[in-house]
C-alpha cells in the first residue's frame, strides 16, 4: 500500500510531466530573497543555491 509521501511524489511527478508537455515550468519563490526558483532541488527546500550558500556560510 503506497504511503502518503509516495502518493505526493507520484502526484508531483505527474504534475511535472503535464507541465513539461504543455511547455510550462513550475516555480516557487525563495523563502529568503523571494527570487523565482525553477530547479526541482531548490523548489523542494524553497531556497535557491545562493541563499543556501550564504546561510551555510553564516552558520
C-alpha atoms as a PDB file:
ATOM      1  CA  UNK A   1       0.000   0.000   0.000  1.00  0.00           C
ATOM      2  CA  UNK A   2       1.511   3.393  -1.001  1.00  0.00           C
ATOM      3  CA  UNK A   3       2.296   5.813   1.778  1.00  0.00           C
ATOM      4  CA  UNK A   4       1.160   9.417   1.824  1.00  0.00           C
ATOM      5  CA  UNK A   5       4.697  10.555   0.844  1.00  0.00           C
ATOM      6  CA  UNK A   6       4.716   8.134  -2.088  1.00  0.00           C
ATOM      7  CA  UNK A   7       1.348   9.439  -3.281  1.00  0.00           C
ATOM      8  CA  UNK A   8       2.643  13.002  -3.025  1.00  0.00           C
ATOM      9  CA  UNK A   9       5.767  12.083  -5.017  1.00  0.00           C
ATOM     10  CA  UNK A  10       3.636  10.434  -7.694  1.00  0.00           C
ATOM     11  CA  UNK A  11       1.342  13.457  -7.906  1.00  0.00           C
ATOM     12  CA  UNK A  12       4.333  15.772  -8.127  1.00  0.00           C
ATOM     13  CA  UNK A  13       5.878  13.686 -10.927  1.00  0.00           C
ATOM     14  CA  UNK A  14       2.578  13.696 -12.808  1.00  0.00           C
ATOM     15  CA  UNK A  15       2.279  17.471 -12.434  1.00  0.00           C
ATOM     16  CA  UNK A  16       5.875  17.949 -13.650  1.00  0.00           C
ATOM     17  CA  UNK A  17       5.213  15.752 -16.697  1.00  0.00           C
ATOM     18  CA  UNK A  18       1.963  17.549 -17.538  1.00  0.00           C
ATOM     19  CA  UNK A  19       3.595  20.966 -17.204  1.00  0.00           C
ATOM     20  CA  UNK A  20       6.521  19.898 -19.406  1.00  0.00           C
ATOM     21  CA  UNK A  21       4.144  18.502 -22.029  1.00  0.00           C
ATOM     22  CA  UNK A  22       2.391  21.860 -22.131  1.00  0.00           C
ATOM     23  CA  UNK A  23       5.679  23.762 -22.340  1.00  0.00           C
ATOM     24  CA  UNK A  24       5.309  25.158 -18.820  1.00  0.00           C
ATOM     25  CA  UNK A  25       7.684  25.302 -15.878  1.00  0.00           C
ATOM     26  CA  UNK A  26       6.700  25.116 -12.242  1.00  0.00           C
ATOM     27  CA  UNK A  27       8.242  27.735  -9.980  1.00  0.00           C
ATOM     28  CA  UNK A  28       8.099  28.793  -6.356  1.00  0.00           C
ATOM     29  CA  UNK A  29       9.664  31.705  -4.508  1.00  0.00           C
ATOM     30  CA  UNK A  30      12.805  31.515  -2.382  1.00  0.00           C
ATOM     31  CA  UNK A  31      11.888  31.790   1.293  1.00  0.00           C
ATOM     32  CA  UNK A  32      14.899  34.053   1.864  1.00  0.00           C
ATOM     33  CA  UNK A  33      15.012  36.529  -1.033  1.00  0.00           C
ATOM     34  CA  UNK A  34      11.785  35.943  -2.975  1.00  0.00           C
ATOM     35  CA  UNK A  35      13.560  35.059  -6.236  1.00  0.00           C
ATOM     36  CA  UNK A  36      11.692  32.638  -8.505  1.00  0.00           C
ATOM     37  CA  UNK A  37      13.052  29.076  -8.303  1.00  0.00           C
ATOM     38  CA  UNK A  38      12.578  26.567 -11.119  1.00  0.00           C
ATOM     39  CA  UNK A  39      15.095  23.886 -10.141  1.00  0.00           C
ATOM     40  CA  UNK A  40      13.353  20.870  -8.579  1.00  0.00           C
ATOM     41  CA  UNK A  41      16.003  20.656  -5.846  1.00  0.00           C
ATOM     42  CA  UNK A  42      15.641  24.338  -4.944  1.00  0.00           C
ATOM     43  CA  UNK A  43      11.854  24.207  -5.125  1.00  0.00           C
ATOM     44  CA  UNK A  44      11.812  21.244  -2.752  1.00  0.00           C
ATOM     45  CA  UNK A  45      13.522  23.246   0.002  1.00  0.00           C
ATOM     46  CA  UNK A  46      12.115  26.647  -1.053  1.00  0.00           C
ATOM     47  CA  UNK A  47      15.581  28.172  -1.180  1.00  0.00           C
ATOM     48  CA  UNK A  48      17.952  28.954  -4.033  1.00  0.00           C
ATOM     49  CA  UNK A  49      21.622  27.967  -4.182  1.00  0.00           C
ATOM     50  CA  UNK A  50      22.958  31.466  -3.422  1.00  0.00           C
ATOM     51  CA  UNK A  51      20.769  31.937  -0.348  1.00  0.00           C
ATOM     52  CA  UNK A  52      21.539  28.398   0.785  1.00  0.00           C
ATOM     53  CA  UNK A  53      25.317  29.023   0.447  1.00  0.00           C
ATOM     54  CA  UNK A  54      25.051  32.315   2.318  1.00  0.00           C
ATOM     55  CA  UNK A  55      23.065  30.661   5.095  1.00  0.00           C
ATOM     56  CA  UNK A  56      25.615  27.831   5.403  1.00  0.00           C
ATOM     57  CA  UNK A  57      28.479  30.361   5.494  1.00  0.00           C
ATOM     58  CA  UNK A  58      26.826  32.184   8.417  1.00  0.00           C
ATOM     59  CA  UNK A  59      26.497  29.015  10.482  1.00  0.00           C
END
